[in-house]
Amino acid sequence: MSKVPSPCISVCKFKREGHCIGCSMTKDQKAISKKLKKNKQRLAFLELVIAQQEVMGRYKHWTAAFAKRAAKKKFKLSLIEGNKAA
């Protein structure tokens, strides 16, 4: 299995109450995501971000942008069905 990519889609503008307008992560969450080494941890974190986006709303663009990023990194993605990354 390829390495699970970061949820970041390289927008990095923290305008929504401290959350990035691209991926919904806070600066603290971005720092945490960089420290995760095991795919199981990275996948769980990705699921957390997806759930966070659902609650916050206004992140509909993220799915397509992340899918494109994952494809570039050759990460097989059957993602975002029922808020689960798999």
N, C-alpha and C. Protein backbone atom coordinates (compact mmCIF):
# COMPACT_ATOMS: atom_id res chain seq x y z
N MET A 1 0.84 -1.19 0.00
CA MET A 1 0.00 0.00 0.00
C MET A 1 0.88 1.24 0.00
N SER A 2 0.53 2.20 -0.84
CA SER A 2 1.25 3.47 -0.88
C SER A 2 1.00 4.26 0.40
N LYS A 3 1.87 5.22 0.63
CA LYS A 3 1.73 6.09 1.79
C LYS A 3 0.46 6.94 1.64
N VAL A 4 -0.32 7.01 2.71
CA VAL A 4 -1.55 7.82 2.71
C VAL A 4 -1.15 9.29 2.64
N PRO A 5 -1.60 10.02 1.62
CA PRO A 5 -1.21 11.42 1.50
C PRO A 5 -1.87 12.31 2.56
N SER A 6 -1.26 13.43 2.79
CA SER A 6 -1.81 14.41 3.72
C SER A 6 -3.13 14.95 3.16
N PRO A 7 -4.07 15.29 4.04
CA PRO A 7 -5.32 15.91 3.59
C PRO A 7 -5.13 17.30 2.99
N CYS A 8 -3.97 17.89 3.19
CA CYS A 8 -3.68 19.23 2.67
C CYS A 8 -3.74 19.23 1.15
N ILE A 9 -4.40 20.24 0.58
CA ILE A 9 -4.46 20.38 -0.89
C ILE A 9 -3.72 21.64 -1.34
N SER A 10 -2.81 22.12 -0.51
CA SER A 10 -1.90 23.23 -0.82
C SER A 10 -2.59 24.56 -1.07
N VAL A 11 -3.61 24.86 -0.28
CA VAL A 11 -4.26 26.17 -0.31
C VAL A 11 -3.71 27.00 0.85
N CYS A 12 -3.77 26.46 2.06
CA CYS A 12 -3.15 27.02 3.26
C CYS A 12 -3.47 28.49 3.55
N LYS A 13 -4.74 28.76 3.66
CA LYS A 13 -5.21 30.09 4.10
C LYS A 13 -6.16 29.85 5.27
N PHE A 14 -5.78 30.33 6.42
CA PHE A 14 -6.52 30.06 7.66
C PHE A 14 -7.49 31.20 7.96
N LYS A 15 -8.64 31.17 7.29
CA LYS A 15 -9.59 32.26 7.41
C LYS A 15 -10.90 31.86 8.07
N ARG A 16 -11.18 30.61 8.21
CA ARG A 16 -12.46 30.15 8.78
C ARG A 16 -12.26 29.75 10.24
N GLU A 17 -12.25 30.76 11.09
CA GLU A 17 -12.08 30.54 12.53
C GLU A 17 -10.86 29.67 12.83
N GLY A 18 -9.76 29.95 12.13
CA GLY A 18 -8.51 29.23 12.35
C GLY A 18 -8.37 27.96 11.54
N HIS A 19 -9.35 27.66 10.69
CA HIS A 19 -9.30 26.47 9.85
C HIS A 19 -8.94 26.88 8.43
N CYS A 20 -8.15 26.04 7.77
CA CYS A 20 -7.75 26.29 6.39
C CYS A 20 -8.97 26.24 5.47
N ILE A 21 -9.05 27.17 4.53
CA ILE A 21 -10.18 27.18 3.60
C ILE A 21 -10.07 26.06 2.57
N GLY A 22 -8.91 25.42 2.46
CA GLY A 22 -8.73 24.32 1.52
C GLY A 22 -9.08 22.97 2.08
N CYS A 23 -8.53 22.64 3.25
CA CYS A 23 -8.67 21.28 3.79
C CYS A 23 -9.41 21.20 5.12
N SER A 24 -9.65 22.29 5.77
CA SER A 24 -10.34 22.42 7.06
C SER A 24 -9.44 22.20 8.27
N MET A 25 -8.17 21.86 8.06
CA MET A 25 -7.30 21.63 9.21
C MET A 25 -6.87 22.95 9.85
N THR A 26 -6.61 22.89 11.15
CA THR A 26 -6.02 24.02 11.86
C THR A 26 -4.50 23.91 11.73
N LYS A 27 -3.79 24.92 12.14
CA LYS A 27 -2.32 24.86 12.11
C LYS A 27 -1.81 23.73 13.01
N ASP A 28 -2.45 23.53 14.16
CA ASP A 28 -2.05 22.44 15.06
C ASP A 28 -2.28 21.07 14.40
N GLN A 29 -3.42 20.92 13.73
CA GLN A 29 -3.70 19.66 13.05
C GLN A 29 -2.70 19.41 11.93
N LYS A 30 -2.31 20.44 11.22
CA LYS A 30 -1.31 20.28 10.16
C LYS A 30 0.01 19.80 10.75
N ALA A 31 0.40 20.36 11.88
CA ALA A 31 1.63 19.94 12.54
C ALA A 31 1.54 18.48 12.97
N ILE A 32 0.41 18.08 13.51
CA ILE A 32 0.21 16.69 13.92
C ILE A 32 0.29 15.76 12.72
N SER A 33 -0.37 16.14 11.62
CA SER A 33 -0.39 15.27 10.43
C SER A 33 1.01 15.00 9.89
N LYS A 34 1.89 15.96 10.03
CA LYS A 34 3.27 15.79 9.55
C LYS A 34 4.06 14.80 10.40
N LYS A 35 3.64 14.59 11.63
CA LYS A 35 4.34 13.68 12.54
C LYS A 35 3.86 12.23 12.44
N LEU A 36 2.74 12.01 11.77
CA LEU A 36 2.20 10.66 11.67
C LEU A 36 2.99 9.85 10.66
N LYS A 37 3.51 8.71 11.07
CA LYS A 37 4.37 7.91 10.20
C LYS A 37 3.69 6.65 9.67
N LYS A 38 2.86 6.03 10.48
CA LYS A 38 2.23 4.77 10.07
C LYS A 38 0.97 5.05 9.26
N ASN A 39 0.76 4.23 8.22
CA ASN A 39 -0.41 4.42 7.35
C ASN A 39 -1.71 4.32 8.13
N LYS A 40 -1.76 3.45 9.11
CA LYS A 40 -2.98 3.29 9.91
C LYS A 40 -3.31 4.61 10.62
N GLN A 41 -2.30 5.27 11.16
CA GLN A 41 -2.49 6.56 11.83
C GLN A 41 -2.91 7.63 10.82
N ARG A 42 -2.26 7.65 9.67
CA ARG A 42 -2.54 8.65 8.64
C ARG A 42 -3.96 8.48 8.10
N LEU A 43 -4.40 7.22 7.94
CA LEU A 43 -5.75 6.94 7.46
C LEU A 43 -6.79 7.39 8.48
N ALA A 44 -6.53 7.11 9.76
CA ALA A 44 -7.44 7.55 10.83
C ALA A 44 -7.53 9.07 10.87
N PHE A 45 -6.40 9.75 10.69
CA PHE A 45 -6.39 11.20 10.69
C PHE A 45 -7.18 11.74 9.49
N LEU A 46 -7.03 11.09 8.35
CA LEU A 46 -7.77 11.49 7.15
C LEU A 46 -9.27 11.37 7.40
N GLU A 47 -9.69 10.30 8.06
CA GLU A 47 -11.11 10.13 8.38
C GLU A 47 -11.59 11.23 9.33
N LEU A 48 -10.75 11.62 10.27
CA LEU A 48 -11.09 12.71 11.19
C LEU A 48 -11.31 14.01 10.41
N VAL A 49 -10.43 14.30 9.46
CA VAL A 49 -10.55 15.53 8.67
C VAL A 49 -11.83 15.50 7.83
N ILE A 50 -12.14 14.34 7.24
CA ILE A 50 -13.36 14.22 6.45
C ILE A 50 -14.59 14.47 7.32
N ALA A 51 -14.61 13.90 8.51
CA ALA A 51 -15.74 14.11 9.43
C ALA A 51 -15.83 15.58 9.84
N GLN A 52 -14.69 16.20 10.09
CA GLN A 52 -14.64 17.62 10.45
C GLN A 52 -15.22 18.47 9.33
N GLN A 53 -14.89 18.14 8.10
CA GLN A 53 -15.40 18.90 6.96
C GLN A 53 -16.92 18.79 6.86
N GLU A 54 -17.45 17.61 7.12
CA GLU A 54 -18.90 17.41 7.08
C GLU A 54 -19.60 18.30 8.10
N VAL A 55 -19.06 18.36 9.29
CA VAL A 55 -19.66 19.17 10.35
C VAL A 55 -19.56 20.66 10.02
N MET A 56 -18.41 21.07 9.51
CA MET A 56 -18.19 22.48 9.23
C MET A 56 -18.87 22.94 7.94
N GLY A 57 -19.05 22.03 6.98
CA GLY A 57 -19.64 22.41 5.70
C GLY A 57 -18.66 23.25 4.88
N ARG A 58 -19.06 23.63 3.69
CA ARG A 58 -18.29 24.52 2.82
C ARG A 58 -16.95 23.94 2.37
N TYR A 59 -16.81 22.61 2.33
CA TYR A 59 -15.57 21.99 1.88
C TYR A 59 -15.84 20.99 0.76
N LYS A 60 -16.84 21.24 -0.05
CA LYS A 60 -17.23 20.31 -1.12
C LYS A 60 -16.13 20.17 -2.17
N HIS A 61 -15.35 21.21 -2.40
CA HIS A 61 -14.28 21.20 -3.39
C HIS A 61 -13.12 20.28 -3.01
N TRP A 62 -12.98 20.00 -1.74
CA TRP A 62 -11.84 19.24 -1.24
C TRP A 62 -11.78 17.83 -1.82
N THR A 63 -12.91 17.17 -1.95
CA THR A 63 -12.95 15.78 -2.41
C THR A 63 -12.24 15.61 -3.75
N ALA A 64 -12.60 16.42 -4.72
CA ALA A 64 -11.98 16.31 -6.05
C ALA A 64 -10.50 16.67 -6.00
N ALA A 65 -10.17 17.71 -5.26
CA ALA A 65 -8.76 18.14 -5.17
C ALA A 65 -7.91 17.06 -4.49
N PHE A 66 -8.43 16.45 -3.44
CA PHE A 66 -7.68 15.41 -2.74
C PHE A 66 -7.55 14.16 -3.61
N ALA A 67 -8.61 13.79 -4.32
CA ALA A 67 -8.56 12.62 -5.20
C ALA A 67 -7.48 12.80 -6.27
N LYS A 68 -7.37 14.01 -6.81
CA LYS A 68 -6.34 14.30 -7.81
C LYS A 68 -4.94 14.19 -7.20
N ARG A 69 -4.79 14.72 -6.00
CA ARG A 69 -3.51 14.65 -5.30
C ARG A 69 -3.13 13.20 -5.00
N ALA A 70 -4.10 12.41 -4.55
CA ALA A 70 -3.86 11.01 -4.22
C ALA A 70 -3.45 10.23 -5.47
N ALA A 71 -4.09 10.51 -6.60
CA ALA A 71 -3.76 9.83 -7.86
C ALA A 71 -2.32 10.15 -8.29
N LYS A 72 -1.91 11.39 -8.12
CA LYS A 72 -0.53 11.79 -8.46
C LYS A 72 0.48 11.01 -7.63
N LYS A 73 0.10 10.73 -6.38
CA LYS A 73 1.01 10.02 -5.47
C LYS A 73 0.83 8.51 -5.56
N LYS A 74 0.01 8.08 -6.52
CA LYS A 74 -0.27 6.66 -6.76
C LYS A 74 -0.88 5.97 -5.55
N PHE A 75 -1.69 6.71 -4.82
CA PHE A 75 -2.42 6.16 -3.68
C PHE A 75 -3.79 5.72 -4.17
N LYS A 76 -4.06 4.43 -4.05
CA LYS A 76 -5.36 3.92 -4.50
C LYS A 76 -6.42 4.39 -3.53
N LEU A 77 -7.44 4.99 -4.09
CA LEU A 77 -8.41 5.70 -3.28
C LEU A 77 -9.82 5.20 -3.54
N SER A 78 -10.41 4.63 -2.52
CA SER A 78 -11.85 4.33 -2.56
C SER A 78 -12.38 5.08 -1.35
N LEU A 79 -12.45 6.38 -1.49
CA LEU A 79 -12.55 7.32 -0.38
C LEU A 79 -13.88 8.04 -0.35
N ILE A 80 -14.18 8.51 0.81
CA ILE A 80 -15.24 9.47 1.02
C ILE A 80 -16.61 8.94 0.69
N GLU A 81 -16.85 7.73 1.05
CA GLU A 81 -18.18 7.18 0.93
C GLU A 81 -18.63 6.95 2.37
N GLY A 82 -19.62 7.67 2.79
CA GLY A 82 -20.06 7.57 4.17
C GLY A 82 -19.03 8.11 5.14
N ASN A 83 -18.25 9.12 4.72
CA ASN A 83 -17.24 9.78 5.55
C ASN A 83 -16.14 8.83 5.99
N LYS A 84 -15.84 7.84 5.20
CA LYS A 84 -14.77 6.90 5.55
C LYS A 84 -13.70 6.95 4.48
N ALA A 85 -12.47 6.90 4.90
CA ALA A 85 -11.36 6.79 3.97
C ALA A 85 -10.95 5.32 3.96
N ALA A 86 -10.84 4.73 2.81
CA ALA A 86 -10.43 3.32 2.74
C ALA A 86 -9.77 3.00 1.42
